[in-house]
């Protein structure tokens, strides 16, 4: 489902960065995602 949503957004012209990791919604992953997102946001 997540990959389909990323594909759908890209098909409609929205820039998409799809990032998936093991472990689900755990704090360790959120810290990584926040770091990656903040770097892209303030680039």
PDB file of N, CA and C in Angstrom:
ATOM      1  N   UNK A   1       0.819  -1.195   0.000  1.00  0.00           N
ATOM      2  CA  UNK A   1       0.000   0.000   0.000  1.00  0.00           C
ATOM      3  C   UNK A   1       0.862   1.259   0.000  1.00  0.00           C
ATOM      4  N   UNK A   2       1.927   1.265   0.809  1.00  0.00           N
ATOM      5  CA  UNK A   2       2.784   2.446   0.883  1.00  0.00           C
ATOM      6  C   UNK A   2       3.483   2.703  -0.447  1.00  0.00           C
ATOM      7  N   UNK A   3       3.955   1.630  -1.067  1.00  0.00           N
ATOM      8  CA  UNK A   3       4.625   1.788  -2.352  1.00  0.00           C
ATOM      9  C   UNK A   3       3.645   2.284  -3.398  1.00  0.00           C
ATOM     10  N   UNK A   4       2.407   1.827  -3.341  1.00  0.00           N
ATOM     11  CA  UNK A   4       1.392   2.281  -4.287  1.00  0.00           C
ATOM     12  C   UNK A   4       1.119   3.766  -4.114  1.00  0.00           C
ATOM     13  N   UNK A   5       1.036   4.231  -2.867  1.00  0.00           N
ATOM     14  CA  UNK A   5       0.793   5.654  -2.610  1.00  0.00           C
ATOM     15  C   UNK A   5       1.949   6.499  -3.145  1.00  0.00           C
ATOM     16  N   UNK A   6       3.173   6.035  -2.957  1.00  0.00           N
ATOM     17  CA  UNK A   6       4.336   6.750  -3.486  1.00  0.00           C
ATOM     18  C   UNK A   6       4.276   6.796  -5.012  1.00  0.00           C
ATOM     19  N   UNK A   7       3.913   5.690  -5.635  1.00  0.00           N
ATOM     20  CA  UNK A   7       3.780   5.642  -7.085  1.00  0.00           C
ATOM     21  C   UNK A   7       2.683   6.581  -7.562  1.00  0.00           C
ATOM     22  N   UNK A   8       1.555   6.595  -6.876  1.00  0.00           N
ATOM     23  CA  UNK A   8       0.430   7.443  -7.246  1.00  0.00           C
ATOM     24  C   UNK A   8       0.805   8.929  -7.172  1.00  0.00           C
ATOM     25  N   UNK A   9       1.492   9.312  -6.112  1.00  0.00           N
ATOM     26  CA  UNK A   9       1.929  10.710  -5.982  1.00  0.00           C
ATOM     27  C   UNK A   9       2.897  11.085  -7.103  1.00  0.00           C
ATOM     28  N   UNK A  10       3.849  10.207  -7.380  1.00  0.00           N
ATOM     29  CA  UNK A  10       4.823  10.462  -8.444  1.00  0.00           C
ATOM     30  C   UNK A  10       4.134  10.544  -9.802  1.00  0.00           C
ATOM     31  N   UNK A  11       3.134   9.717 -10.015  1.00  0.00           N
ATOM     32  CA  UNK A  11       2.405   9.728 -11.286  1.00  0.00           C
ATOM     33  C   UNK A  11       1.660  11.040 -11.500  1.00  0.00           C
ATOM     34  N   UNK A  12       1.313  11.711 -10.416  1.00  0.00           N
ATOM     35  CA  UNK A  12       0.618  12.991 -10.517  1.00  0.00           C
ATOM     36  C   UNK A  12       1.567  14.186 -10.424  1.00  0.00           C
ATOM     37  N   UNK A  13       2.869  13.923 -10.489  1.00  0.00           N
ATOM     38  CA  UNK A  13       3.842  14.995 -10.562  1.00  0.00           C
ATOM     39  C   UNK A  13       4.393  15.487  -9.234  1.00  0.00           C
ATOM     40  N   UNK A  14       4.054  14.848  -8.137  1.00  0.00           N
ATOM     41  CA  UNK A  14       4.590  15.252  -6.837  1.00  0.00           C
ATOM     42  C   UNK A  14       5.943  14.605  -6.622  1.00  0.00           C
ATOM     43  N   UNK A  15       6.919  15.351  -6.131  1.00  0.00           N
ATOM     44  CA  UNK A  15       8.216  14.732  -5.852  1.00  0.00           C
ATOM     45  C   UNK A  15       8.090  13.779  -4.658  1.00  0.00           C
ATOM     46  N   UNK A  16       8.635  12.593  -4.802  1.00  0.00           N
ATOM     47  CA  UNK A  16       8.501  11.561  -3.773  1.00  0.00           C
ATOM     48  C   UNK A  16       9.862  10.999  -3.424  1.00  0.00           C
ATOM     49  N   UNK A  17      10.110  10.887  -2.137  1.00  0.00           N
ATOM     50  CA  UNK A  17      11.256  10.137  -1.643  1.00  0.00           C
ATOM     51  C   UNK A  17      10.698   9.032  -0.769  1.00  0.00           C
ATOM     52  N   UNK A  18      10.830   7.804  -1.212  1.00  0.00           N
ATOM     53  CA  UNK A  18      10.278   6.660  -0.489  1.00  0.00           C
ATOM     54  C   UNK A  18      11.387   6.020   0.310  1.00  0.00           C
ATOM     55  N   UNK A  19      11.189   5.907   1.598  1.00  0.00           N
ATOM     56  CA  UNK A  19      12.196   5.339   2.490  1.00  0.00           C
ATOM     57  C   UNK A  19      11.507   4.328   3.389  1.00  0.00           C
ATOM     58  N   UNK A  20      11.968   3.096   3.366  1.00  0.00           N
ATOM     59  CA  UNK A  20      11.374   2.049   4.193  1.00  0.00           C
ATOM     60  C   UNK A  20      12.481   1.311   4.929  1.00  0.00           C
ATOM     61  N   UNK A  21      12.232   1.035   6.193  1.00  0.00           N
ATOM     62  CA  UNK A  21      13.226   0.310   6.976  1.00  0.00           C
ATOM     63  C   UNK A  21      12.526  -0.748   7.821  1.00  0.00           C
ATOM     64  N   UNK A  22      13.309  -1.645   8.355  1.00  0.00           N
ATOM     65  CA  UNK A  22      12.762  -2.711   9.198  1.00  0.00           C
ATOM     66  C   UNK A  22      12.411  -2.164  10.584  1.00  0.00           C
ATOM     67  N   UNK A  23      11.476  -2.781  11.239  1.00  0.00           N
ATOM     68  CA  UNK A  23      11.190  -2.427  12.615  1.00  0.00           C
ATOM     69  C   UNK A  23       9.869  -1.729  12.846  1.00  0.00           C
ATOM     70  N   UNK A  24       9.252  -1.209  11.827  1.00  0.00           N
ATOM     71  CA  UNK A  24       7.966  -0.547  12.003  1.00  0.00           C
ATOM     72  C   UNK A  24       8.075   0.805  12.675  1.00  0.00           C
ATOM     73  N   UNK A  25       7.049   1.182  13.418  1.00  0.00           N
ATOM     74  CA  UNK A  25       7.002   2.491  14.060  1.00  0.00           C
ATOM     75  C   UNK A  25       7.603   2.425  15.460  1.00  0.00           C
ATOM     76  N   UNK A  26       8.923   2.351  15.500  1.00  0.00           N
ATOM     77  CA  UNK A  26       9.611   2.358  16.782  1.00  0.00           C
ATOM     78  C   UNK A  26      10.432   3.640  16.879  1.00  0.00           C
ATOM     79  N   UNK A  27      10.770   4.023  18.082  1.00  0.00           N
ATOM     80  CA  UNK A  27      11.449   5.305  18.305  1.00  0.00           C
ATOM     81  C   UNK A  27      12.752   5.406  17.519  1.00  0.00           C
ATOM     82  N   UNK A  28      13.498   4.325  17.455  1.00  0.00           N
ATOM     83  CA  UNK A  28      14.773   4.349  16.725  1.00  0.00           C
ATOM     84  C   UNK A  28      14.555   4.766  15.271  1.00  0.00           C
ATOM     85  N   UNK A  29      13.522   4.233  14.630  1.00  0.00           N
ATOM     86  CA  UNK A  29      13.239   4.599  13.240  1.00  0.00           C
ATOM     87  C   UNK A  29      12.776   6.038  13.123  1.00  0.00           C
ATOM     88  N   UNK A  30      11.951   6.501  14.059  1.00  0.00           N
ATOM     89  CA  UNK A  30      11.479   7.884  13.999  1.00  0.00           C
ATOM     90  C   UNK A  30      12.633   8.867  14.103  1.00  0.00           C
ATOM     91  N   UNK A  31      13.633   8.537  14.921  1.00  0.00           N
ATOM     92  CA  UNK A  31      14.796   9.429  15.022  1.00  0.00           C
ATOM     93  C   UNK A  31      15.523   9.509  13.691  1.00  0.00           C
ATOM     94  N   UNK A  32      15.678   8.379  13.018  1.00  0.00           N
ATOM     95  CA  UNK A  32      16.339   8.359  11.704  1.00  0.00           C
ATOM     96  C   UNK A  32      15.510   9.146  10.696  1.00  0.00           C
ATOM     97  N   UNK A  33      14.198   8.892  10.680  1.00  0.00           N
ATOM     98  CA  UNK A  33      13.332   9.580   9.728  1.00  0.00           C
ATOM     99  C   UNK A  33      13.346  11.082   9.956  1.00  0.00           C
ATOM    100  N   UNK A  34      13.339  11.501  11.214  1.00  0.00           N
ATOM    101  CA  UNK A  34      13.348  12.926  11.525  1.00  0.00           C
ATOM    102  C   UNK A  34      14.641  13.573  11.052  1.00  0.00           C
ATOM    103  N   UNK A  35      15.751  12.898  11.246  1.00  0.00           N
ATOM    104  CA  UNK A  35      17.046  13.421  10.793  1.00  0.00           C
ATOM    105  C   UNK A  35      17.064  13.581   9.281  1.00  0.00           C
ATOM    106  N   UNK A  36      16.617  12.563   8.572  1.00  0.00           N
ATOM    107  CA  UNK A  36      16.605  12.603   7.105  1.00  0.00           C
ATOM    108  C   UNK A  36      15.639  13.687   6.624  1.00  0.00           C
ATOM    109  N   UNK A  37      14.454  13.761   7.218  1.00  0.00           N
ATOM    110  CA  UNK A  37      13.452  14.738   6.821  1.00  0.00           C
ATOM    111  C   UNK A  37      13.935  16.173   7.081  1.00  0.00           C
ATOM    112  N   UNK A  38      14.524  16.414   8.242  1.00  0.00           N
ATOM    113  CA  UNK A  38      14.996  17.759   8.584  1.00  0.00           C
ATOM    114  C   UNK A  38      16.083  18.223   7.615  1.00  0.00           C
ATOM    115  N   UNK A  39      16.962  17.320   7.236  1.00  0.00           N
ATOM    116  CA  UNK A  39      18.011  17.676   6.278  1.00  0.00           C
ATOM    117  C   UNK A  39      17.417  18.052   4.928  1.00  0.00           C
ATOM    118  N   UNK A  40      16.391  17.352   4.500  1.00  0.00           N
ATOM    119  CA  UNK A  40      15.751  17.670   3.221  1.00  0.00           C
ATOM    120  C   UNK A  40      14.933  18.959   3.317  1.00  0.00           C
ATOM    121  N   UNK A  41      14.297  19.164   4.457  1.00  0.00           N
ATOM    122  CA  UNK A  41      13.440  20.331   4.647  1.00  0.00           C
ATOM    123  C   UNK A  41      14.244  21.619   4.661  1.00  0.00           C
ATOM    124  N   UNK A  42      15.390  21.615   5.315  1.00  0.00           N
ATOM    125  CA  UNK A  42      16.184  22.828   5.471  1.00  0.00           C
ATOM    126  C   UNK A  42      17.370  22.878   4.523  1.00  0.00           C
ATOM    127  N   UNK A  43      17.302  22.148   3.454  1.00  0.00           N
ATOM    128  CA  UNK A  43      18.375  22.117   2.443  1.00  0.00           C
ATOM    129  C   UNK A  43      18.407  23.391   1.650  1.00  0.00           C
TER     130      UNK A  43
END
